[in-house]
């Protein structure tokens, strides 16, 4: 859903991407830093250091946004970079969602969220492989999931019950996104 506002975000992201590109930082390094941030988040979540876990989620989200922007600025958009980004995004997603287990979020919610999030990503990849434009289809794409996870972590510090309700809302929205994408692909192919 946030992808529909890409041109507005570009006004903020592009100057940062240009600065990072001028510093000589490779987009692939930024992608790897996103995964490293997610791994560090997992450690902080394990130790229930939720403020630091939150900071790492925000950093992972930043690297996720900025890596593609830097690639575009440098003219280094490539199939290899696209593959690496997509693959490492799934690894990052797995760590970000799994870390919720350590914060007190219900295990059923976390496992369900992990499964449905991966299915949302799979349906997008398969749809694009079939030649469909999948960006913006559904309510909750990766950016929204990262925002939700950040909010869940902050809320865990205050009220675990409310944090679980937010996780349930994320799960429902993710399921709706999956259904939207499946129907979009089927409708487009029939």
N, C-alpha and C. Protein backbone atom coordinates (compact mmCIF):
# COMPACT_ATOMS: atom_id res chain seq x y z
N UNK A 1 0.81 -1.18 0.00
CA UNK A 1 0.00 0.00 0.00
C UNK A 1 0.87 1.26 0.00
N UNK A 2 1.93 1.27 0.82
CA UNK A 2 2.82 2.42 0.85
C UNK A 2 3.54 2.61 -0.48
N UNK A 3 3.67 1.53 -1.26
CA UNK A 3 4.35 1.63 -2.55
C UNK A 3 3.61 2.59 -3.49
N UNK A 4 2.32 2.80 -3.23
CA UNK A 4 1.54 3.73 -4.05
C UNK A 4 1.98 5.18 -3.83
N UNK A 5 2.69 5.42 -2.73
CA UNK A 5 3.16 6.76 -2.41
C UNK A 5 4.66 6.91 -2.66
N UNK A 6 5.21 6.03 -3.49
CA UNK A 6 6.65 6.00 -3.73
C UNK A 6 7.20 7.36 -4.17
N UNK A 7 6.48 8.05 -5.05
CA UNK A 7 7.02 9.32 -5.56
C UNK A 7 7.14 10.36 -4.45
N UNK A 8 6.27 10.29 -3.44
CA UNK A 8 6.36 11.23 -2.32
C UNK A 8 7.53 10.87 -1.41
N UNK A 9 7.71 9.57 -1.17
CA UNK A 9 8.84 9.13 -0.36
C UNK A 9 10.17 9.42 -1.06
N UNK A 10 10.14 9.41 -2.39
CA UNK A 10 11.36 9.64 -3.16
C UNK A 10 11.96 11.02 -2.85
N UNK A 11 11.11 11.99 -2.52
CA UNK A 11 11.62 13.33 -2.20
C UNK A 11 12.51 13.32 -0.96
N UNK A 12 12.26 12.39 -0.07
CA UNK A 12 13.08 12.25 1.13
C UNK A 12 14.22 11.26 0.90
N UNK A 13 13.90 10.14 0.25
CA UNK A 13 14.86 9.05 0.09
C UNK A 13 15.95 9.38 -0.93
N UNK A 14 15.59 9.98 -2.05
CA UNK A 14 16.56 10.22 -3.12
C UNK A 14 17.77 11.05 -2.69
N UNK A 15 17.60 12.16 -1.96
CA UNK A 15 18.79 12.90 -1.52
C UNK A 15 19.71 12.06 -0.62
N UNK A 16 19.12 11.25 0.23
CA UNK A 16 19.92 10.37 1.10
C UNK A 16 20.65 9.34 0.25
N UNK A 17 19.94 8.78 -0.74
CA UNK A 17 20.54 7.78 -1.64
C UNK A 17 21.70 8.39 -2.42
N UNK A 18 21.54 9.63 -2.87
CA UNK A 18 22.62 10.30 -3.62
C UNK A 18 23.84 10.50 -2.73
N UNK A 19 23.62 10.87 -1.49
CA UNK A 19 24.71 11.06 -0.54
C UNK A 19 25.45 9.74 -0.30
N UNK A 20 24.70 8.69 -0.08
CA UNK A 20 25.30 7.37 0.16
C UNK A 20 26.03 6.88 -1.08
N UNK A 21 25.44 7.12 -2.26
CA UNK A 21 26.09 6.72 -3.51
C UNK A 21 27.41 7.46 -3.70
N UNK A 22 27.42 8.76 -3.38
CA UNK A 22 28.66 9.55 -3.49
C UNK A 22 29.73 9.03 -2.54
N UNK A 23 29.29 8.48 -1.42
CA UNK A 23 30.25 7.93 -0.44
C UNK A 23 30.83 6.60 -0.92
N UNK A 24 30.29 6.07 -2.04
CA UNK A 24 30.83 4.85 -2.62
C UNK A 24 30.30 3.56 -2.03
N UNK A 25 29.17 3.64 -1.34
CA UNK A 25 28.60 2.44 -0.72
C UNK A 25 27.77 1.69 -1.76
N UNK A 26 28.05 0.41 -1.91
CA UNK A 26 27.36 -0.44 -2.87
C UNK A 26 25.95 -0.77 -2.39
N UNK A 27 24.98 -0.82 -3.32
CA UNK A 27 23.61 -1.22 -2.93
C UNK A 27 23.58 -2.61 -2.29
N UNK A 28 24.42 -3.52 -2.77
CA UNK A 28 24.45 -4.88 -2.20
C UNK A 28 24.94 -4.87 -0.76
N UNK A 29 25.87 -3.98 -0.45
CA UNK A 29 26.34 -3.83 0.94
C UNK A 29 25.18 -3.37 1.82
N UNK A 30 24.38 -2.44 1.30
CA UNK A 30 23.22 -1.96 2.06
C UNK A 30 22.21 -3.08 2.30
N UNK A 31 22.02 -3.92 1.29
CA UNK A 31 21.12 -5.07 1.44
C UNK A 31 21.62 -6.00 2.54
N UNK A 32 22.92 -6.27 2.53
CA UNK A 32 23.52 -7.13 3.56
C UNK A 32 23.41 -6.47 4.94
N UNK A 33 23.60 -5.16 5.00
CA UNK A 33 23.47 -4.45 6.28
C UNK A 33 22.04 -4.57 6.83
N UNK A 34 21.06 -4.62 5.94
CA UNK A 34 19.68 -4.83 6.37
C UNK A 34 19.50 -6.17 7.06
N UNK A 35 20.12 -7.21 6.49
CA UNK A 35 20.03 -8.54 7.10
C UNK A 35 20.81 -8.58 8.42
N UNK A 36 21.96 -7.93 8.44
CA UNK A 36 22.74 -7.87 9.68
C UNK A 36 21.94 -7.16 10.77
N UNK A 37 21.27 -6.07 10.41
CA UNK A 37 20.41 -5.36 11.38
C UNK A 37 19.31 -6.27 11.91
N UNK A 38 18.74 -7.07 11.02
CA UNK A 38 17.68 -8.01 11.43
C UNK A 38 18.23 -9.08 12.37
N UNK A 39 19.45 -9.54 12.10
CA UNK A 39 20.07 -10.55 12.97
C UNK A 39 20.37 -9.97 14.35
N UNK A 40 20.85 -8.74 14.38
CA UNK A 40 21.12 -8.08 15.66
C UNK A 40 19.81 -7.86 16.42
N UNK A 41 18.76 -7.49 15.68
CA UNK A 41 17.42 -7.36 16.28
C UNK A 41 17.02 -8.65 16.98
N UNK A 42 17.26 -9.77 16.30
CA UNK A 42 16.89 -11.07 16.85
C UNK A 42 17.58 -11.32 18.19
N UNK A 43 18.85 -10.95 18.27
CA UNK A 43 19.61 -11.10 19.52
C UNK A 43 19.01 -10.20 20.61
N UNK A 44 18.74 -8.94 20.25
CA UNK A 44 18.15 -8.03 21.24
C UNK A 44 16.77 -8.52 21.69
N UNK A 45 15.98 -9.03 20.75
CA UNK A 45 14.66 -9.56 21.11
C UNK A 45 14.82 -10.75 22.06
N UNK A 46 15.79 -11.62 21.77
CA UNK A 46 16.05 -12.78 22.62
C UNK A 46 16.33 -12.35 24.07
N UNK A 47 17.12 -11.27 24.21
CA UNK A 47 17.47 -10.77 25.54
C UNK A 47 16.45 -9.77 26.08
N UNK A 48 15.35 -9.61 25.36
CA UNK A 48 14.27 -8.71 25.76
C UNK A 48 14.74 -7.26 25.91
N UNK A 49 15.73 -6.89 25.12
CA UNK A 49 16.21 -5.50 25.08
C UNK A 49 15.42 -4.80 23.97
N UNK A 50 14.17 -4.50 24.27
CA UNK A 50 13.22 -4.10 23.23
C UNK A 50 13.51 -2.72 22.63
N UNK A 51 14.09 -1.81 23.38
CA UNK A 51 14.44 -0.51 22.80
C UNK A 51 15.47 -0.71 21.69
N UNK A 52 16.48 -1.52 21.97
CA UNK A 52 17.51 -1.79 20.97
C UNK A 52 16.95 -2.62 19.81
N UNK A 53 16.06 -3.54 20.14
CA UNK A 53 15.41 -4.33 19.09
C UNK A 53 14.64 -3.42 18.15
N UNK A 54 13.91 -2.47 18.71
CA UNK A 54 13.16 -1.50 17.91
C UNK A 54 14.10 -0.71 16.99
N UNK A 55 15.22 -0.25 17.53
CA UNK A 55 16.19 0.52 16.73
C UNK A 55 16.69 -0.33 15.56
N UNK A 56 16.95 -1.60 15.80
CA UNK A 56 17.43 -2.49 14.73
C UNK A 56 16.37 -2.72 13.66
N UNK A 57 15.10 -2.80 14.06
CA UNK A 57 14.02 -2.95 13.07
C UNK A 57 13.96 -1.70 12.19
N UNK A 58 14.07 -0.54 12.82
CA UNK A 58 14.05 0.72 12.06
C UNK A 58 15.23 0.76 11.09
N UNK A 59 16.41 0.35 11.56
CA UNK A 59 17.59 0.30 10.69
C UNK A 59 17.40 -0.67 9.53
N UNK A 60 16.86 -1.84 9.82
CA UNK A 60 16.60 -2.83 8.77
C UNK A 60 15.64 -2.25 7.73
N UNK A 61 14.61 -1.56 8.20
CA UNK A 61 13.67 -0.91 7.28
C UNK A 61 14.34 0.17 6.45
N UNK A 62 15.22 0.95 7.08
CA UNK A 62 15.95 1.99 6.36
C UNK A 62 16.80 1.38 5.25
N UNK A 63 17.56 0.34 5.58
CA UNK A 63 18.41 -0.30 4.56
C UNK A 63 17.57 -0.91 3.45
N UNK A 64 16.38 -1.42 3.79
CA UNK A 64 15.49 -2.00 2.78
C UNK A 64 15.03 -0.93 1.79
N UNK A 65 14.76 0.26 2.29
CA UNK A 65 14.30 1.35 1.44
C UNK A 65 15.45 1.91 0.61
N UNK A 66 16.60 2.06 1.24
CA UNK A 66 17.68 2.82 0.62
C UNK A 66 18.49 2.01 -0.39
N UNK A 67 18.55 0.67 -0.25
CA UNK A 67 19.40 -0.11 -1.16
C UNK A 67 18.97 0.03 -2.62
N UNK A 68 17.68 -0.08 -2.86
CA UNK A 68 17.19 0.06 -4.23
C UNK A 68 17.35 1.47 -4.77
N UNK A 69 17.16 2.46 -3.89
CA UNK A 69 17.32 3.86 -4.31
C UNK A 69 18.77 4.14 -4.70
N UNK A 70 19.71 3.61 -3.93
CA UNK A 70 21.13 3.79 -4.26
C UNK A 70 21.46 3.09 -5.58
N UNK A 71 20.91 1.90 -5.79
CA UNK A 71 21.13 1.18 -7.05
C UNK A 71 20.63 2.01 -8.23
N UNK A 72 19.47 2.65 -8.08
CA UNK A 72 18.94 3.48 -9.17
C UNK A 72 19.81 4.70 -9.41
N UNK A 73 20.28 5.35 -8.33
CA UNK A 73 21.14 6.53 -8.45
C UNK A 73 22.44 6.17 -9.17
N UNK A 74 23.00 5.03 -8.83
CA UNK A 74 24.27 4.59 -9.43
C UNK A 74 24.09 3.94 -10.80
N UNK A 75 22.84 3.70 -11.19
CA UNK A 75 22.59 2.99 -12.44
C UNK A 75 23.03 1.54 -12.36
N UNK A 76 22.96 0.97 -11.17
CA UNK A 76 23.41 -0.40 -10.95
C UNK A 76 22.26 -1.35 -10.66
N UNK A 77 21.08 -1.04 -11.18
CA UNK A 77 19.95 -1.95 -11.03
C UNK A 77 20.26 -3.16 -11.90
N UNK A 78 20.29 -4.34 -11.28
CA UNK A 78 20.67 -5.55 -12.03
C UNK A 78 19.84 -6.73 -11.56
N UNK A 79 19.83 -7.77 -12.38
CA UNK A 79 19.12 -9.01 -12.02
C UNK A 79 19.77 -9.64 -10.78
N UNK A 80 21.11 -9.58 -10.70
CA UNK A 80 21.81 -10.15 -9.55
C UNK A 80 21.41 -9.40 -8.28
N UNK A 81 21.42 -8.07 -8.35
CA UNK A 81 21.03 -7.26 -7.20
C UNK A 81 19.59 -7.49 -6.80
N UNK A 82 18.73 -7.60 -7.80
CA UNK A 82 17.31 -7.85 -7.55
C UNK A 82 17.11 -9.21 -6.86
N UNK A 83 17.82 -10.22 -7.35
CA UNK A 83 17.73 -11.55 -6.75
C UNK A 83 18.26 -11.55 -5.32
N UNK A 84 19.44 -10.94 -5.14
CA UNK A 84 20.05 -10.87 -3.81
C UNK A 84 19.12 -10.13 -2.84
N UNK A 85 18.57 -9.00 -3.28
CA UNK A 85 17.68 -8.21 -2.44
C UNK A 85 16.44 -9.01 -2.03
N UNK A 86 15.82 -9.65 -2.99
CA UNK A 86 14.60 -10.41 -2.72
C UNK A 86 14.88 -11.59 -1.78
N UNK A 87 15.97 -12.28 -2.02
CA UNK A 87 16.32 -13.44 -1.19
C UNK A 87 16.65 -13.02 0.24
N UNK A 88 17.49 -11.99 0.37
CA UNK A 88 17.87 -11.54 1.70
C UNK A 88 16.71 -10.86 2.43
N UNK A 89 15.78 -10.27 1.67
CA UNK A 89 14.56 -9.73 2.29
C UNK A 89 13.76 -10.83 2.98
N UNK A 90 13.70 -12.01 2.35
CA UNK A 90 12.96 -13.12 2.99
C UNK A 90 13.66 -13.56 4.26
N UNK A 91 14.99 -13.61 4.24
CA UNK A 91 15.75 -13.97 5.44
C UNK A 91 15.50 -12.94 6.53
N UNK A 92 15.54 -11.67 6.15
CA UNK A 92 15.28 -10.59 7.09
C UNK A 92 13.87 -10.68 7.65
N UNK A 93 12.89 -10.92 6.77
CA UNK A 93 11.50 -11.09 7.22
C UNK A 93 11.38 -12.20 8.25
N UNK A 94 12.04 -13.32 7.98
CA UNK A 94 11.98 -14.46 8.89
C UNK A 94 12.51 -14.07 10.27
N UNK A 95 13.62 -13.35 10.30
CA UNK A 95 14.20 -12.95 11.59
C UNK A 95 13.32 -11.93 12.30
N UNK A 96 12.80 -10.95 11.55
CA UNK A 96 11.97 -9.91 12.16
C UNK A 96 10.70 -10.50 12.77
N UNK A 97 10.08 -11.41 12.04
CA UNK A 97 8.84 -12.02 12.54
C UNK A 97 9.15 -13.01 13.67
N UNK A 98 10.16 -13.86 13.48
CA UNK A 98 10.51 -14.85 14.51
C UNK A 98 10.89 -14.18 15.82
N UNK A 99 11.52 -13.03 15.75
CA UNK A 99 11.91 -12.31 16.96
C UNK A 99 10.74 -11.95 17.84
N UNK A 100 9.56 -11.85 17.24
CA UNK A 100 8.36 -11.54 18.03
C UNK A 100 8.06 -12.63 19.05
N UNK A 101 8.51 -13.85 18.77
CA UNK A 101 8.33 -14.95 19.75
C UNK A 101 8.98 -14.62 21.09
N UNK A 102 10.10 -13.91 21.04
CA UNK A 102 10.85 -13.61 22.25
C UNK A 102 10.28 -12.42 23.01
N UNK A 103 9.35 -11.70 22.39
CA UNK A 103 8.79 -10.50 23.03
C UNK A 103 7.50 -10.80 23.79
N UNK A 104 7.02 -12.03 23.67
CA UNK A 104 5.78 -12.40 24.35
C UNK A 104 4.57 -12.46 23.45
N UNK A 105 4.78 -12.29 22.15
CA UNK A 105 3.67 -12.40 21.21
C UNK A 105 3.32 -13.89 21.08
N UNK A 106 2.03 -14.18 21.02
CA UNK A 106 1.52 -15.55 20.93
C UNK A 106 2.20 -16.31 19.79
N UNK A 107 2.68 -17.51 20.10
CA UNK A 107 3.40 -18.33 19.12
C UNK A 107 2.58 -18.66 17.89
N UNK A 108 1.29 -18.95 18.07
CA UNK A 108 0.42 -19.24 16.93
C UNK A 108 0.36 -18.04 15.99
N UNK A 109 0.24 -16.83 16.55
CA UNK A 109 0.21 -15.62 15.73
C UNK A 109 1.52 -15.46 14.95
N UNK A 110 2.63 -15.67 15.64
CA UNK A 110 3.94 -15.48 15.01
C UNK A 110 4.14 -16.48 13.87
N UNK A 111 3.87 -17.75 14.12
CA UNK A 111 4.06 -18.77 13.08
C UNK A 111 3.11 -18.53 11.91
N UNK A 112 1.87 -18.18 12.21
CA UNK A 112 0.90 -17.89 11.14
C UNK A 112 1.35 -16.68 10.33
N UNK A 113 1.83 -15.66 11.02
CA UNK A 113 2.31 -14.46 10.34
C UNK A 113 3.50 -14.78 9.45
N UNK A 114 4.38 -15.62 9.93
CA UNK A 114 5.54 -16.03 9.13
C UNK A 114 5.09 -16.76 7.87
N UNK A 115 4.18 -17.70 8.01
CA UNK A 115 3.69 -18.47 6.86
C UNK A 115 3.00 -17.57 5.85
N UNK A 116 2.06 -16.75 6.32
CA UNK A 116 1.28 -15.92 5.39
C UNK A 116 2.14 -14.82 4.76
N UNK A 117 3.10 -14.29 5.51
CA UNK A 117 4.00 -13.28 4.94
C UNK A 117 4.82 -13.87 3.81
N UNK A 118 5.31 -15.10 4.02
CA UNK A 118 6.07 -15.75 2.97
C UNK A 118 5.19 -16.04 1.76
N UNK A 119 3.95 -16.44 2.01
CA UNK A 119 3.03 -16.70 0.89
C UNK A 119 2.72 -15.42 0.12
N UNK A 120 2.57 -14.30 0.83
CA UNK A 120 2.35 -13.01 0.16
C UNK A 120 3.52 -12.72 -0.78
N UNK A 121 4.74 -12.91 -0.28
CA UNK A 121 5.93 -12.67 -1.10
C UNK A 121 6.01 -13.66 -2.26
N UNK A 122 5.68 -14.92 -1.99
CA UNK A 122 5.72 -15.94 -3.04
C UNK A 122 4.73 -15.62 -4.16
N UNK A 123 3.51 -15.26 -3.80
CA UNK A 123 2.49 -14.96 -4.81
C UNK A 123 2.93 -13.76 -5.65
N UNK A 124 3.56 -12.77 -5.02
CA UNK A 124 4.07 -11.63 -5.79
C UNK A 124 5.13 -12.10 -6.78
N UNK A 125 6.09 -12.87 -6.29
CA UNK A 125 7.17 -13.35 -7.16
C UNK A 125 6.63 -14.19 -8.31
N UNK A 126 5.70 -15.08 -8.01
CA UNK A 126 5.12 -15.94 -9.05
C UNK A 126 4.32 -15.11 -10.04
N UNK A 127 3.54 -14.15 -9.54
CA UNK A 127 2.78 -13.28 -10.42
C UNK A 127 3.68 -12.49 -11.35
N UNK A 128 4.78 -11.96 -10.82
CA UNK A 128 5.72 -11.21 -11.65
C UNK A 128 6.40 -12.12 -12.66
N UNK A 129 6.68 -13.35 -12.26
CA UNK A 129 7.26 -14.33 -13.19
C UNK A 129 6.31 -14.60 -14.36
N UNK A 130 5.01 -14.51 -14.07
CA UNK A 130 3.99 -14.71 -15.10
C UNK A 130 3.71 -13.43 -15.89
N UNK A 131 4.48 -12.37 -15.59
CA UNK A 131 4.37 -11.14 -16.36
C UNK A 131 3.42 -10.10 -15.80
N UNK A 132 2.97 -10.27 -14.57
CA UNK A 132 2.03 -9.33 -13.98
C UNK A 132 2.76 -8.30 -13.12
N UNK A 133 2.21 -7.09 -13.06
CA UNK A 133 2.75 -6.06 -12.17
C UNK A 133 2.06 -6.22 -10.83
N UNK A 134 2.82 -6.65 -9.83
CA UNK A 134 2.23 -7.01 -8.53
C UNK A 134 2.42 -5.94 -7.45
N UNK A 135 3.30 -4.98 -7.68
CA UNK A 135 3.55 -3.97 -6.67
C UNK A 135 2.27 -3.20 -6.35
N UNK A 136 2.01 -3.02 -5.07
CA UNK A 136 0.84 -2.26 -4.65
C UNK A 136 -0.44 -3.08 -4.55
N UNK A 137 -0.36 -4.38 -4.86
CA UNK A 137 -1.54 -5.24 -4.75
C UNK A 137 -1.63 -5.73 -3.30
N UNK A 138 -2.71 -5.39 -2.62
CA UNK A 138 -2.90 -5.80 -1.24
C UNK A 138 -2.61 -4.69 -0.25
N UNK A 139 -3.04 -4.91 0.96
CA UNK A 139 -2.94 -3.88 2.01
C UNK A 139 -1.57 -3.84 2.68
N UNK A 140 -0.94 -4.99 2.84
CA UNK A 140 0.28 -5.07 3.65
C UNK A 140 1.41 -5.68 2.85
N UNK A 141 2.30 -4.80 2.37
CA UNK A 141 3.52 -5.27 1.72
C UNK A 141 4.64 -5.25 2.77
N UNK A 142 5.86 -5.41 2.34
CA UNK A 142 6.97 -5.53 3.29
C UNK A 142 7.12 -4.28 4.16
N UNK A 143 7.02 -3.11 3.56
CA UNK A 143 7.19 -1.86 4.32
C UNK A 143 6.17 -1.77 5.46
N UNK A 144 4.94 -2.11 5.16
CA UNK A 144 3.90 -2.06 6.19
C UNK A 144 4.16 -3.08 7.30
N UNK A 145 4.65 -4.27 6.90
CA UNK A 145 4.97 -5.29 7.91
C UNK A 145 6.06 -4.79 8.86
N UNK A 146 7.06 -4.14 8.31
CA UNK A 146 8.15 -3.63 9.14
C UNK A 146 7.62 -2.56 10.10
N UNK A 147 6.75 -1.69 9.61
CA UNK A 147 6.15 -0.67 10.47
C UNK A 147 5.33 -1.33 11.58
N UNK A 148 4.52 -2.31 11.21
CA UNK A 148 3.72 -3.02 12.21
C UNK A 148 4.61 -3.68 13.26
N UNK A 149 5.68 -4.34 12.82
CA UNK A 149 6.58 -5.01 13.76
C UNK A 149 7.20 -3.99 14.72
N UNK A 150 7.56 -2.83 14.20
CA UNK A 150 8.10 -1.76 15.05
C UNK A 150 7.09 -1.35 16.11
N UNK A 151 5.85 -1.17 15.68
CA UNK A 151 4.78 -0.77 16.62
C UNK A 151 4.53 -1.88 17.65
N UNK A 152 4.55 -3.12 17.20
CA UNK A 152 4.35 -4.24 18.12
C UNK A 152 5.43 -4.25 19.20
N UNK A 153 6.67 -4.04 18.79
CA UNK A 153 7.78 -4.06 19.75
C UNK A 153 7.63 -2.94 20.77
N UNK A 154 7.31 -1.74 20.30
CA UNK A 154 7.11 -0.62 21.22
C UNK A 154 5.96 -0.93 22.18
N UNK A 155 4.88 -1.47 21.64
CA UNK A 155 3.71 -1.77 22.45
C UNK A 155 4.00 -2.87 23.47
N UNK A 156 4.87 -3.82 23.13
CA UNK A 156 5.25 -4.88 24.08
C UNK A 156 5.85 -4.29 25.35
N UNK A 157 6.50 -3.14 25.23
CA UNK A 157 7.11 -2.50 26.39
C UNK A 157 6.05 -1.92 27.33
N UNK A 158 4.86 -1.68 26.79
CA UNK A 158 3.81 -1.02 27.56
C UNK A 158 2.69 -1.98 27.95
N UNK A 159 2.20 -2.76 26.97
CA UNK A 159 1.05 -3.62 27.22
C UNK A 159 1.09 -4.81 26.26
N UNK A 160 1.39 -5.97 26.79
CA UNK A 160 1.54 -7.17 25.97
C UNK A 160 0.23 -7.60 25.32
N UNK A 161 -0.87 -7.40 26.00
CA UNK A 161 -2.17 -7.77 25.42
C UNK A 161 -2.45 -6.93 24.17
N UNK A 162 -2.24 -5.64 24.26
CA UNK A 162 -2.45 -4.77 23.10
C UNK A 162 -1.48 -5.13 21.98
N UNK A 163 -0.24 -5.46 22.34
CA UNK A 163 0.75 -5.88 21.33
C UNK A 163 0.26 -7.12 20.59
N UNK A 164 -0.33 -8.06 21.31
CA UNK A 164 -0.87 -9.27 20.68
C UNK A 164 -2.05 -8.94 19.77
N UNK A 165 -2.87 -7.98 20.18
CA UNK A 165 -4.00 -7.55 19.33
C UNK A 165 -3.47 -6.92 18.04
N UNK A 166 -2.42 -6.11 18.15
CA UNK A 166 -1.82 -5.50 16.95
C UNK A 166 -1.24 -6.60 16.06
N UNK A 167 -0.61 -7.60 16.65
CA UNK A 167 -0.08 -8.73 15.87
C UNK A 167 -1.22 -9.47 15.17
N UNK A 168 -2.34 -9.63 15.84
CA UNK A 168 -3.51 -10.27 15.22
C UNK A 168 -4.03 -9.44 14.06
N UNK A 169 -4.08 -8.13 14.23
CA UNK A 169 -4.50 -7.24 13.14
C UNK A 169 -3.56 -7.39 11.95
N UNK A 170 -2.25 -7.42 12.22
CA UNK A 170 -1.27 -7.61 11.14
C UNK A 170 -1.51 -8.94 10.44
N UNK A 171 -1.77 -9.98 11.20
CA UNK A 171 -2.03 -11.29 10.61
C UNK A 171 -3.26 -11.25 9.71
N UNK A 172 -4.33 -10.63 10.17
CA UNK A 172 -5.56 -10.53 9.37
C UNK A 172 -5.31 -9.73 8.10
N UNK A 173 -4.61 -8.60 8.22
CA UNK A 173 -4.31 -7.78 7.03
C UNK A 173 -3.40 -8.53 6.06
N UNK A 174 -2.47 -9.31 6.59
CA UNK A 174 -1.59 -10.12 5.75
C UNK A 174 -2.39 -11.18 5.01
N UNK A 175 -3.32 -11.80 5.69
CA UNK A 175 -4.19 -12.80 5.06
C UNK A 175 -5.05 -12.16 3.97
N UNK A 176 -5.58 -10.98 4.24
CA UNK A 176 -6.37 -10.26 3.23
C UNK A 176 -5.49 -9.93 2.02
N UNK A 177 -4.25 -9.52 2.28
CA UNK A 177 -3.31 -9.23 1.19
C UNK A 177 -3.05 -10.47 0.35
N UNK A 178 -2.86 -11.60 1.01
CA UNK A 178 -2.65 -12.86 0.30
C UNK A 178 -3.84 -13.17 -0.60
N UNK A 179 -5.03 -13.06 -0.05
CA UNK A 179 -6.25 -13.34 -0.83
C UNK A 179 -6.37 -12.37 -2.00
N UNK A 180 -6.12 -11.07 -1.74
CA UNK A 180 -6.16 -10.06 -2.82
C UNK A 180 -5.21 -10.44 -3.95
N UNK A 181 -3.99 -10.83 -3.58
CA UNK A 181 -2.99 -11.15 -4.60
C UNK A 181 -3.35 -12.41 -5.38
N UNK A 182 -3.83 -13.42 -4.68
CA UNK A 182 -4.21 -14.66 -5.36
C UNK A 182 -5.33 -14.37 -6.35
N UNK A 183 -6.35 -13.63 -5.92
CA UNK A 183 -7.46 -13.31 -6.83
C UNK A 183 -7.00 -12.41 -7.98
N UNK A 184 -6.08 -11.48 -7.71
CA UNK A 184 -5.56 -10.62 -8.77
C UNK A 184 -4.86 -11.46 -9.84
N UNK A 185 -4.01 -12.39 -9.40
CA UNK A 185 -3.30 -13.24 -10.35
C UNK A 185 -4.29 -14.10 -11.13
N UNK A 186 -5.20 -14.75 -10.43
CA UNK A 186 -6.18 -15.62 -11.12
C UNK A 186 -7.02 -14.83 -12.11
N UNK A 187 -7.49 -13.66 -11.70
CA UNK A 187 -8.31 -12.82 -12.58
C UNK A 187 -7.52 -12.38 -13.81
N UNK A 188 -6.24 -12.06 -13.61
CA UNK A 188 -5.39 -11.61 -14.72
C UNK A 188 -5.08 -12.73 -15.70
N UNK A 189 -5.05 -13.96 -15.21
CA UNK A 189 -4.67 -15.09 -16.07
C UNK A 189 -5.86 -15.74 -16.76
N UNK A 190 -7.07 -15.47 -16.28
CA UNK A 190 -8.25 -16.12 -16.87
C UNK A 190 -8.75 -15.31 -18.05
